[in-house]
C-alpha atoms as a PDB file:
ATOM      1  CA  MET A   1     141.060  50.606  28.355  1.00  0.00           C
ATOM      2  CA  THR A   2     144.753  50.902  29.155  1.00  0.00           C
ATOM      3  CA  ASP A   3     145.639  49.878  25.573  1.00  0.00           C
ATOM      4  CA  LEU A   4     143.465  52.691  24.225  1.00  0.00           C
ATOM      5  CA  ARG A   5     145.023  55.146  26.656  1.00  0.00           C
ATOM      6  CA  ALA A   6     148.548  54.030  25.718  1.00  0.00           C
ATOM      7  CA  THR A   7     147.675  54.424  22.021  1.00  0.00           C
ATOM      8  CA  LEU A   8     146.280  57.900  22.605  1.00  0.00           C
ATOM      9  CA  GLU A   9     149.361  58.864  24.638  1.00  0.00           C
ATOM     10  CA  ALA A  10     151.594  57.738  21.763  1.00  0.00           C
ATOM     11  CA  ASP A  11     149.412  59.614  19.257  1.00  0.00           C
ATOM     12  CA  LEU A  12     149.619  62.723  21.423  1.00  0.00           C
ATOM     13  CA  ALA A  13     153.414  62.597  21.493  1.00  0.00           C
ATOM     14  CA  GLU A  14     153.546  61.993  17.746  1.00  0.00           C
ATOM     15  CA  ALA A  15     151.193  64.930  17.020  1.00  0.00           C
ATOM     16  CA  GLU A  16     153.376  67.257  19.100  1.00  0.00           C
ATOM     17  CA  ARG A  17     156.560  66.057  17.392  1.00  0.00           C
ATOM     18  CA  LYS A  18     155.025  66.505  13.942  1.00  0.00           C
ATOM     19  CA  ALA A  19     153.697  69.972  14.817  1.00  0.00           C
ATOM     20  CA  TRP A  20     157.090  71.260  15.969  1.00  0.00           C
ATOM     21  CA  ASP A  21     158.820  69.629  13.009  1.00  0.00           C
ATOM     22  CA  SER A  22     156.375  71.260  10.590  1.00  0.00           C
ATOM     23  CA  LEU A  23     156.841  74.673  12.175  1.00  0.00           C
ATOM     24  CA  ALA A  24     160.618  74.328  12.045  1.00  0.00           C
ATOM     25  CA  ARG A  25     160.385  73.685   8.304  1.00  0.00           C
ATOM     26  CA  TYR A  26     158.032  76.659   7.647  1.00  0.00           C
ATOM     27  CA  LYS A  27     155.123  74.295   6.916  1.00  0.00           C
ATOM     28  CA  PHE A  28     152.582  76.484   8.702  1.00  0.00           C
ATOM     29  CA  PHE A  29     149.491  74.733   7.358  1.00  0.00           C
ATOM     30  CA  MET A  30     150.791  71.362   8.543  1.00  0.00           C
ATOM     31  CA  PHE A  31     151.775  72.876  11.900  1.00  0.00           C
ATOM     32  CA  GLY A  32     148.176  73.967  12.386  1.00  0.00           C
ATOM     33  CA  TYR A  33     146.884  70.555  11.410  1.00  0.00           C
ATOM     34  CA  HIS A  34     149.108  68.693  13.877  1.00  0.00           C
ATOM     35  CA  ALA A  35     148.632  71.234  16.674  1.00  0.00           C
ATOM     36  CA  ALA A  36     144.858  70.892  16.305  1.00  0.00           C
ATOM     37  CA  ASP A  37     145.271  67.118  16.285  1.00  0.00           C
ATOM     38  CA  TRP A  38     147.178  67.389  19.569  1.00  0.00           C
ATOM     39  CA  VAL A  39     144.319  69.381  21.111  1.00  0.00           C
ATOM     40  CA  LYS A  40     141.742  66.864  19.867  1.00  0.00           C
ATOM     41  CA  ILE A  41     143.656  63.866  21.230  1.00  0.00           C
ATOM     42  CA  ASN A  42     144.264  65.630  24.539  1.00  0.00           C
ATOM     43  CA  ARG A  43     140.517  66.166  24.894  1.00  0.00           C
ATOM     44  CA  ARG A  44     139.861  62.492  24.126  1.00  0.00           C
ATOM     45  CA  LEU A  45     142.287  61.552  26.894  1.00  0.00           C
ATOM     46  CA  GLY A  46     140.348  63.778  29.273  1.00  0.00           C
ATOM     47  CA  SER A  47     143.593  65.119  30.660  1.00  0.00           C
ATOM     48  CA  GLU A  48     144.379  68.649  31.625  1.00  0.00           C
ATOM     49  CA  ARG A  49     147.848  68.727  30.109  1.00  0.00           C
ATOM     50  CA  TRP A  50     149.461  72.054  29.449  1.00  0.00           C
ATOM     51  CA  ASN A  51     149.203  72.855  25.761  1.00  0.00           C
ATOM     52  CA  PRO A  52     152.788  72.888  24.442  1.00  0.00           C
ATOM     53  CA  PHE A  53     151.810  75.552  21.903  1.00  0.00           C
ATOM     54  CA  LYS A  54     150.318  77.979  24.453  1.00  0.00           C
ATOM     55  CA  ASP A  55     153.450  80.148  24.724  1.00  0.00           C
ATOM     56  CA  LEU A  56     153.613  80.381  20.941  1.00  0.00           C
ATOM     57  CA  VAL A  57     149.962  81.460  20.783  1.00  0.00           C
ATOM     58  CA  ASP A  58     150.521  84.044  23.527  1.00  0.00           C
ATOM     59  CA  ALA A  59     153.508  85.475  21.635  1.00  0.00           C
ATOM     60  CA  ALA A  60     151.427  85.717  18.463  1.00  0.00           C
ATOM     61  CA  ARG A  61     148.613  87.482  20.308  1.00  0.00           C
ATOM     62  CA  ALA A  62     151.047  89.952  21.836  1.00  0.00           C
ATOM     63  CA  LYS A  63     152.586  90.643  18.440  1.00  0.00           C
ATOM     64  CA  ARG A  64     149.150  91.086  16.865  1.00  0.00           C
ATOM     65  CA  THR A  65     148.137  93.728  19.373  1.00  0.00           C
ATOM     66  CA  GLU A  66     151.254  95.850  18.862  1.00  0.00           C
ATOM     67  CA  ARG A  67     150.462  99.070  17.051  1.00  0.00           C
ATOM     68  CA  ALA A  68     152.208  99.140  13.716  1.00  0.00           C
ATOM     69  CA  PRO A  69     152.440 102.359  11.721  1.00  0.00           C
ATOM     70  CA  ALA A  70     149.713 102.679   9.113  1.00  0.00           C
ATOM     71  CA  PRO A  71     150.944 101.882   5.623  1.00  0.00           C
ATOM     72  CA  GLN A  72     151.282 104.917   3.395  1.00  0.00           C
ATOM     73  CA  LYS A  73     149.605 104.859   0.023  1.00  0.00           C
ATOM     74  CA  ALA A  74     151.900 105.247  -2.937  1.00  0.00           C
ATOM     75  CA  ARG A  75     151.105 108.130  -5.252  1.00  0.00           C
ATOM     76  CA  PRO A  76     150.289 107.141  -8.815  1.00  0.00           C
ATOM     77  CA  ALA A  77     153.092 107.803 -11.308  1.00  0.00           C
ATOM     78  CA  ALA A  78     150.947 110.281 -13.290  1.00  0.00           C
ATOM     79  CA  HIS A  79     150.653 112.570 -10.253  1.00  0.00           C
ATOM     80  CA  ALA A  80     154.376 112.462  -9.578  1.00  0.00           C
ATOM     81  CA  GLU A  81     155.177 113.541 -13.142  1.00  0.00           C
ATOM     82  CA  GLN A  82     152.723 116.463 -13.044  1.00  0.00           C
ATOM     83  CA  GLY A  83     154.421 117.950 -10.002  1.00  0.00           C
ATOM     84  CA  SER A  84     157.856 118.095 -11.675  1.00  0.00           C
ATOM     85  CA  ALA A  85     156.816 120.223 -14.691  1.00  0.00           C
END
């Protein structure tokens, strides 16, 4: 049992390292893959470790809820030309 736990602990550390490395290189898809792998391994360990990506998720949620100005629709070129005549 301790060998399995040691293997899972090593896999957990490797998943976290790969996730941060992927994010640092703008490999967002791979970041998501390794971050999800970290969560899965952490659950298998049955531990209540603090998710190292929690602060990043919280920052993204805060950014998402900010009110951005509504994008303005561009007028078609035909309408712009009619107004100048």
